[in-house]
Amino acid sequence: MTILITGASRGIGAGLAAYYTAKGADVIGTGRSASAEIQLDVTQPSSHRAMAEKLDGRAIDLLICNAGVYLDKGNDLDTGFGADLWAQSFAINVTGVFLSIQALLPHLRRARSSKIAIISSQMASSERAPGGSYIYRASKAAVLNLGRNLAADLKKEGIAVGMYHPGFVQTDMGGAGADITIDEAVAGLVARFEALNMDRTGCFETWDGRAHPM
């Protein structure tokens, strides 16, 4: 089984890479640093093209779109949420996901019953809107919409697409006071990815298996 994980250098991405490697999977991790197995800036089409060329016709069974940022954390409504933060956040959290999937579609098509897992957030939900974090919430809502539409278009090709809230995780983004560890999030997410099939394509689920309000 070949698995490609974007943003695999730290946090949940690194945890998923370590888990699957320990299970004997062929894991390909991407990151922005030169030390990454495949260097990928998800905002740059040329970087995606270089990644696809480096993979040289390999089949990918599972693509995990994990790379993301939360740049407006703690911003104030009156003075924060600058236009530059909107542009950067959407370039990574939304456009970056689309470009990754688009570049790797030929590789996903080479595999049998391939899957795409998009790491979203409970903050993508339009039904749960407690305020604040406008940029992050909007970008995660956009990628949720993107994933559901990709699920519809790729269904005829047998490629399942799922979106997942990983939990409030003890990472650099979540902080030390978050609810669950990386290992707990990884165990739950792996179970969700295994359960993803064509009957569940387009789902939005929590790390522990609950359907999440859209």
C-alpha atoms as a PDB file:
ATOM      1  CA  MET A   1       0.000   0.000   0.000  1.00  0.00           C
ATOM      2  CA  THR A   2       1.396   3.381  -1.009  1.00  0.00           C
ATOM      3  CA  ILE A   3       0.347   6.427   1.006  1.00  0.00           C
ATOM      4  CA  LEU A   4       1.256  10.044   0.300  1.00  0.00           C
ATOM      5  CA  ILE A   5       0.880  12.556   3.130  1.00  0.00           C
ATOM      6  CA  THR A   6       1.225  16.305   2.630  1.00  0.00           C
ATOM      7  CA  GLY A   7       2.594  18.239   5.577  1.00  0.00           C
ATOM      8  CA  ALA A   8       4.247  15.125   7.005  1.00  0.00           C
ATOM      9  CA  SER A   9       7.126  16.833   8.787  1.00  0.00           C
ATOM     10  CA  ARG A  10       5.351  17.528  12.078  1.00  0.00           C
ATOM     11  CA  GLY A  11       2.159  17.171  14.086  1.00  0.00           C
ATOM     12  CA  ILE A  12      -0.600  14.902  12.823  1.00  0.00           C
ATOM     13  CA  GLY A  13       1.111  14.416   9.469  1.00  0.00           C
ATOM     14  CA  ALA A  14       4.289  13.140  11.121  1.00  0.00           C
ATOM     15  CA  GLY A  15       2.219  10.928  13.414  1.00  0.00           C
ATOM     16  CA  LEU A  16       0.377   9.370  10.484  1.00  0.00           C
ATOM     17  CA  ALA A  17       3.632   8.835   8.593  1.00  0.00           C
ATOM     18  CA  ALA A  18       5.208   7.089  11.583  1.00  0.00           C
ATOM     19  CA  TYR A  19       2.168   4.878  12.116  1.00  0.00           C
ATOM     20  CA  TYR A  20       1.883   3.709   8.531  1.00  0.00           C
ATOM     21  CA  THR A  21       5.640   3.195   8.216  1.00  0.00           C
ATOM     22  CA  ALA A  22       5.589   0.974  11.311  1.00  0.00           C
ATOM     23  CA  LYS A  23       2.794  -1.056   9.690  1.00  0.00           C
ATOM     24  CA  GLY A  24       4.934  -1.669   6.610  1.00  0.00           C
ATOM     25  CA  ALA A  25       3.227   0.718   4.195  1.00  0.00           C
ATOM     26  CA  ASP A  26       5.182   2.587   1.537  1.00  0.00           C
ATOM     27  CA  VAL A  27       4.875   6.122   2.922  1.00  0.00           C
ATOM     28  CA  ILE A  28       5.762   9.233   0.939  1.00  0.00           C
ATOM     29  CA  GLY A  29       5.911  12.382   3.039  1.00  0.00           C
ATOM     30  CA  THR A  30       6.008  15.936   1.740  1.00  0.00           C
ATOM     31  CA  GLY A  31       7.066  19.139   3.450  1.00  0.00           C
ATOM     32  CA  ARG A  32       8.348  22.597   2.680  1.00  0.00           C
ATOM     33  CA  SER A  33      11.850  22.035   4.031  1.00  0.00           C
ATOM     34  CA  ALA A  34      14.690  20.641   1.968  1.00  0.00           C
ATOM     35  CA  SER A  35      14.933  17.710   4.403  1.00  0.00           C
ATOM     36  CA  ALA A  36      11.491  16.394   3.441  1.00  0.00           C
ATOM     37  CA  GLU A  37      11.316  13.209   1.391  1.00  0.00           C
ATOM     38  CA  ILE A  38       9.573  15.234  -1.283  1.00  0.00           C
ATOM     39  CA  GLN A  39       9.866  18.992  -0.999  1.00  0.00           C
ATOM     40  CA  LEU A  40       6.473  20.515  -1.725  1.00  0.00           C
ATOM     41  CA  ASP A  41       5.173  24.052  -1.427  1.00  0.00           C
ATOM     42  CA  VAL A  42       1.450  23.402  -1.805  1.00  0.00           C
ATOM     43  CA  THR A  43       0.851  26.965  -3.017  1.00  0.00           C
ATOM     44  CA  GLN A  44       3.064  26.551  -6.089  1.00  0.00           C
ATOM     45  CA  PRO A  45       1.841  24.684  -9.212  1.00  0.00           C
ATOM     46  CA  SER A  46       5.453  24.150 -10.288  1.00  0.00           C
ATOM     47  CA  SER A  47       6.177  22.388  -7.009  1.00  0.00           C
ATOM     48  CA  HIS A  48       3.250  20.032  -7.596  1.00  0.00           C
ATOM     49  CA  ARG A  49       4.456  19.282 -11.102  1.00  0.00           C
ATOM     50  CA  ALA A  50       7.914  18.477  -9.769  1.00  0.00           C
ATOM     51  CA  MET A  51       6.388  16.147  -7.172  1.00  0.00           C
ATOM     52  CA  ALA A  52       4.333  14.288  -9.773  1.00  0.00           C
ATOM     53  CA  GLU A  53       7.393  13.898 -12.006  1.00  0.00           C
ATOM     54  CA  LYS A  54       9.477  12.580  -9.107  1.00  0.00           C
ATOM     55  CA  LEU A  55       6.853   9.917  -8.410  1.00  0.00           C
ATOM     56  CA  ASP A  56       7.447   8.689 -11.975  1.00  0.00           C
ATOM     57  CA  GLY A  57       4.272   6.777 -12.671  1.00  0.00           C
ATOM     58  CA  ARG A  58       3.814   5.230  -9.216  1.00  0.00           C
ATOM     59  CA  ALA A  59       0.337   4.306  -8.013  1.00  0.00           C
ATOM     60  CA  ILE A  60      -1.006   5.929  -4.841  1.00  0.00           C
ATOM     61  CA  ASP A  61      -3.606   4.073  -2.802  1.00  0.00           C
ATOM     62  CA  LEU A  62      -4.267   6.787  -0.218  1.00  0.00           C
ATOM     63  CA  LEU A  63      -3.626  10.519  -0.475  1.00  0.00           C
ATOM     64  CA  ILE A  64      -3.860  12.344   2.851  1.00  0.00           C
ATOM     65  CA  CYS A  65      -4.138  16.111   2.390  1.00  0.00           C
ATOM     66  CA  ASN A  66      -2.910  17.264   5.776  1.00  0.00           C
ATOM     67  CA  ALA A  67      -0.873  20.431   5.107  1.00  0.00           C
ATOM     68  CA  GLY A  68      -2.579  23.480   6.590  1.00  0.00           C
ATOM     69  CA  VAL A  69      -2.148  26.675   8.585  1.00  0.00           C
ATOM     70  CA  TYR A  70      -4.066  28.652  11.226  1.00  0.00           C
ATOM     71  CA  LEU A  71      -2.653  32.138  10.739  1.00  0.00           C
ATOM     72  CA  ASP A  72      -5.420  34.236  12.299  1.00  0.00           C
ATOM     73  CA  LYS A  73      -5.450  32.582  15.724  1.00  0.00           C
ATOM     74  CA  GLY A  74      -6.045  35.272  18.348  1.00  0.00           C
ATOM     75  CA  ASN A  75      -6.723  38.059  15.855  1.00  0.00           C
ATOM     76  CA  ASP A  76      -9.000  40.896  16.941  1.00  0.00           C
ATOM     77  CA  LEU A  77     -12.074  41.772  14.875  1.00  0.00           C
ATOM     78  CA  ASP A  78     -11.365  45.501  14.941  1.00  0.00           C
ATOM     79  CA  THR A  79      -7.713  45.389  13.917  1.00  0.00           C
ATOM     80  CA  GLY A  80      -6.831  41.871  12.753  1.00  0.00           C
ATOM     81  CA  PHE A  81      -7.613  39.503   9.890  1.00  0.00           C
ATOM     82  CA  GLY A  82      -5.461  41.310   7.354  1.00  0.00           C
ATOM     83  CA  ALA A  83      -5.846  40.672   3.651  1.00  0.00           C
ATOM     84  CA  ASP A  84      -2.447  38.985   3.529  1.00  0.00           C
ATOM     85  CA  LEU A  85      -3.614  36.378   6.052  1.00  0.00           C
ATOM     86  CA  TRP A  86      -6.690  35.637   3.943  1.00  0.00           C
ATOM     87  CA  ALA A  87      -4.577  35.159   0.830  1.00  0.00           C
ATOM     88  CA  GLN A  88      -1.969  32.946   2.514  1.00  0.00           C
ATOM     89  CA  SER A  89      -4.533  30.821   4.353  1.00  0.00           C
ATOM     90  CA  PHE A  90      -6.667  30.109   1.295  1.00  0.00           C
ATOM     91  CA  ALA A  91      -3.584  29.463  -0.840  1.00  0.00           C
ATOM     92  CA  ILE A  92      -2.493  26.705   1.561  1.00  0.00           C
ATOM     93  CA  ASN A  93      -5.724  25.379   3.072  1.00  0.00           C
ATOM     94  CA  VAL A  94      -7.883  25.368  -0.068  1.00  0.00           C
ATOM     95  CA  THR A  95      -5.959  25.899  -3.303  1.00  0.00           C
ATOM     96  CA  GLY A  96      -3.104  23.781  -1.985  1.00  0.00           C
ATOM     97  CA  VAL A  97      -5.421  20.847  -1.369  1.00  0.00           C
ATOM     98  CA  PHE A  98      -6.915  21.123  -4.845  1.00  0.00           C
ATOM     99  CA  LEU A  99      -3.514  21.363  -6.536  1.00  0.00           C
ATOM    100  CA  SER A 100      -2.267  18.318  -4.628  1.00  0.00           C
ATOM    101  CA  ILE A 101      -5.250  16.246  -5.694  1.00  0.00           C
ATOM    102  CA  GLN A 102      -5.121  17.492  -9.269  1.00  0.00           C
ATOM    103  CA  ALA A 103      -1.408  16.729  -9.619  1.00  0.00           C
ATOM    104  CA  LEU A 104      -1.774  13.250  -8.143  1.00  0.00           C
ATOM    105  CA  LEU A 105      -4.944  12.141  -9.934  1.00  0.00           C
ATOM    106  CA  PRO A 106      -2.990  10.078 -12.497  1.00  0.00           C
ATOM    107  CA  HIS A 107      -1.264   8.264  -9.624  1.00  0.00           C
ATOM    108  CA  LEU A 108      -4.554   7.675  -7.792  1.00  0.00           C
ATOM    109  CA  ARG A 109      -6.104   6.326 -10.985  1.00  0.00           C
ATOM    110  CA  ARG A 110      -3.327   3.737 -11.279  1.00  0.00           C
ATOM    111  CA  ALA A 111      -4.310   2.169  -7.948  1.00  0.00           C
ATOM    112  CA  ARG A 112      -7.310  -0.008  -7.224  1.00  0.00           C
ATOM    113  CA  SER A 113      -9.955   1.576  -5.000  1.00  0.00           C
ATOM    114  CA  SER A 114      -7.838   4.610  -4.178  1.00  0.00           C
ATOM    115  CA  LYS A 115      -8.899   7.116  -1.529  1.00  0.00           C
ATOM    116  CA  ILE A 116      -8.431  10.791  -0.721  1.00  0.00           C
ATOM    117  CA  ALA A 117      -8.591  11.932   2.904  1.00  0.00           C
ATOM    118  CA  ILE A 118      -8.774  15.669   3.577  1.00  0.00           C
ATOM    119  CA  ILE A 119      -7.925  16.803   7.099  1.00  0.00           C
ATOM    120  CA  SER A 120     -10.470  19.523   7.783  1.00  0.00           C
ATOM    121  CA  SER A 121     -11.709  20.780  11.155  1.00  0.00           C
ATOM    122  CA  GLN A 122     -14.848  21.099  13.222  1.00  0.00           C
ATOM    123  CA  MET A 123     -14.397  24.811  12.508  1.00  0.00           C
ATOM    124  CA  ALA A 124     -15.496  24.095   8.919  1.00  0.00           C
ATOM    125  CA  SER A 125     -19.074  23.612  10.098  1.00  0.00           C
ATOM    126  CA  SER A 126     -21.611  26.236   9.085  1.00  0.00           C
ATOM    127  CA  GLU A 127     -24.120  24.814  11.564  1.00  0.00           C
ATOM    128  CA  ARG A 128     -21.722  25.393  14.450  1.00  0.00           C
ATOM    129  CA  ALA A 129     -20.654  29.018  14.186  1.00  0.00           C
ATOM    130  CA  PRO A 130     -19.559  30.409  17.568  1.00  0.00           C
ATOM    131  CA  GLY A 131     -17.639  33.321  16.027  1.00  0.00           C
ATOM    132  CA  GLY A 132     -14.000  34.294  15.709  1.00  0.00           C
ATOM    133  CA  SER A 133     -11.163  32.747  13.677  1.00  0.00           C
ATOM    134  CA  TYR A 134     -12.887  33.972  10.527  1.00  0.00           C
ATOM    135  CA  ILE A 135     -10.116  33.172   8.090  1.00  0.00           C
ATOM    136  CA  TYR A 136      -9.410  29.673   9.362  1.00  0.00           C
ATOM    137  CA  ARG A 137     -13.114  28.846   9.607  1.00  0.00           C
ATOM    138  CA  ALA A 138     -13.792  30.152   6.100  1.00  0.00           C
ATOM    139  CA  SER A 139     -10.865  28.258   4.593  1.00  0.00           C
ATOM    140  CA  LYS A 140     -11.886  24.995   6.246  1.00  0.00           C
ATOM    141  CA  ALA A 141     -15.499  25.491   5.152  1.00  0.00           C
ATOM    142  CA  ALA A 142     -14.235  26.043   1.607  1.00  0.00           C
ATOM    143  CA  VAL A 143     -12.134  22.875   1.595  1.00  0.00           C
ATOM    144  CA  LEU A 144     -15.086  20.924   2.985  1.00  0.00           C
ATOM    145  CA  ASN A 145     -17.165  22.141   0.033  1.00  0.00           C
ATOM    146  CA  LEU A 146     -14.297  21.309  -2.312  1.00  0.00           C
ATOM    147  CA  GLY A 147     -14.054  17.776  -0.963  1.00  0.00           C
ATOM    148  CA  ARG A 148     -17.769  17.089  -1.282  1.00  0.00           C
ATOM    149  CA  ASN A 149     -17.801  18.241  -4.886  1.00  0.00           C
ATOM    150  CA  LEU A 150     -14.684  16.211  -5.701  1.00  0.00           C
ATOM    151  CA  ALA A 151     -16.407  13.194  -4.156  1.00  0.00           C
ATOM    152  CA  ALA A 152     -19.291  13.640  -6.600  1.00  0.00           C
ATOM    153  CA  ASP A 153     -17.011  14.006  -9.623  1.00  0.00           C
ATOM    154  CA  LEU A 154     -14.637  11.168  -8.722  1.00  0.00           C
ATOM    155  CA  LYS A 155     -17.324   8.682  -7.710  1.00  0.00           C
ATOM    156  CA  LYS A 156     -17.640   7.389 -11.265  1.00  0.00           C
ATOM    157  CA  GLU A 157     -13.916   6.613 -11.200  1.00  0.00           C
ATOM    158  CA  GLY A 158     -14.140   4.667  -7.960  1.00  0.00           C
ATOM    159  CA  ILE A 159     -12.063   7.168  -5.970  1.00  0.00           C
ATOM    160  CA  ALA A 160     -13.555   7.811  -2.530  1.00  0.00           C
ATOM    161  CA  VAL A 161     -13.127  11.177  -0.810  1.00  0.00           C
ATOM    162  CA  GLY A 162     -13.601  11.847   2.904  1.00  0.00           C
ATOM    163  CA  MET A 163     -13.193  14.920   5.105  1.00  0.00           C
ATOM    164  CA  TYR A 164     -12.197  14.574   8.757  1.00  0.00           C
ATOM    165  CA  HIS A 165     -12.055  16.585  11.966  1.00  0.00           C
ATOM    166  CA  PRO A 166      -8.927  15.230  13.682  1.00  0.00           C
ATOM    167  CA  GLY A 167      -9.984  16.360  17.136  1.00  0.00           C
ATOM    168  CA  PHE A 168      -8.524  19.130  19.281  1.00  0.00           C
ATOM    169  CA  VAL A 169      -4.991  17.748  19.207  1.00  0.00           C
ATOM    170  CA  GLN A 170      -1.879  18.517  21.232  1.00  0.00           C
ATOM    171  CA  THR A 171       0.196  19.909  18.360  1.00  0.00           C
ATOM    172  CA  ASP A 172       1.847  23.287  17.753  1.00  0.00           C
ATOM    173  CA  MET A 173      -1.521  24.443  16.408  1.00  0.00           C
ATOM    174  CA  GLY A 174      -3.689  22.980  19.167  1.00  0.00           C
ATOM    175  CA  GLY A 175      -1.345  23.639  22.064  1.00  0.00           C
ATOM    176  CA  ALA A 176      -0.423  21.562  25.101  1.00  0.00           C
ATOM    177  CA  GLY A 177      -3.878  22.026  26.634  1.00  0.00           C
ATOM    178  CA  ALA A 178      -5.745  20.363  23.745  1.00  0.00           C
ATOM    179  CA  ASP A 179      -8.036  17.391  24.373  1.00  0.00           C
ATOM    180  CA  ILE A 180      -6.205  14.459  22.773  1.00  0.00           C
ATOM    181  CA  THR A 181      -2.692  13.358  21.900  1.00  0.00           C
ATOM    182  CA  ILE A 182      -1.333  12.946  18.408  1.00  0.00           C
ATOM    183  CA  ASP A 183      -1.338   9.158  18.892  1.00  0.00           C
ATOM    184  CA  GLU A 184      -5.054   9.207  19.792  1.00  0.00           C
ATOM    185  CA  ALA A 185      -5.880  11.359  16.777  1.00  0.00           C
ATOM    186  CA  VAL A 186      -3.818   9.127  14.479  1.00  0.00           C
ATOM    187  CA  ALA A 187      -5.479   5.920  15.714  1.00  0.00           C
ATOM    188  CA  GLY A 188      -8.923   7.394  15.135  1.00  0.00           C
ATOM    189  CA  LEU A 189      -8.097   8.842  11.735  1.00  0.00           C
ATOM    190  CA  VAL A 190      -6.546   5.593  10.500  1.00  0.00           C
ATOM    191  CA  ALA A 191      -9.777   3.795  11.402  1.00  0.00           C
ATOM    192  CA  ARG A 192     -11.779   6.398   9.492  1.00  0.00           C
ATOM    193  CA  PHE A 193      -9.576   6.076   6.407  1.00  0.00           C
ATOM    194  CA  GLU A 194      -9.915   2.287   6.481  1.00  0.00           C
ATOM    195  CA  ALA A 195     -13.706   2.596   6.670  1.00  0.00           C
ATOM    196  CA  LEU A 196     -13.874   5.051   3.751  1.00  0.00           C
ATOM    197  CA  ASN A 197     -15.483   3.478   0.687  1.00  0.00           C
ATOM    198  CA  MET A 198     -17.773   4.476  -2.144  1.00  0.00           C
ATOM    199  CA  ASP A 199     -20.838   4.263   0.098  1.00  0.00           C
ATOM    200  CA  ARG A 200     -19.269   6.812   2.468  1.00  0.00           C
ATOM    201  CA  THR A 201     -17.651   9.092  -0.110  1.00  0.00           C
ATOM    202  CA  GLY A 202     -18.307  12.767   0.608  1.00  0.00           C
ATOM    203  CA  CYS A 203     -18.512  12.156   4.364  1.00  0.00           C
ATOM    204  CA  PHE A 204     -17.502  14.669   7.033  1.00  0.00           C
ATOM    205  CA  GLU A 205     -16.602  12.746  10.185  1.00  0.00           C
ATOM    206  CA  THR A 206     -14.826  13.214  13.481  1.00  0.00           C
ATOM    207  CA  TRP A 207     -11.659  11.318  14.370  1.00  0.00           C
ATOM    208  CA  ASP A 208     -13.694   9.009  16.632  1.00  0.00           C
ATOM    209  CA  GLY A 209     -16.269   8.044  14.004  1.00  0.00           C
ATOM    210  CA  ARG A 210     -19.173  10.434  14.456  1.00  0.00           C
ATOM    211  CA  ALA A 211     -20.849  12.217  11.554  1.00  0.00           C
ATOM    212  CA  HIS A 212     -20.009  15.915  11.887  1.00  0.00           C
ATOM    213  CA  PRO A 213     -22.619  18.630  11.262  1.00  0.00           C
ATOM    214  CA  MET A 214     -21.945  20.427   8.020  1.00  0.00           C
END
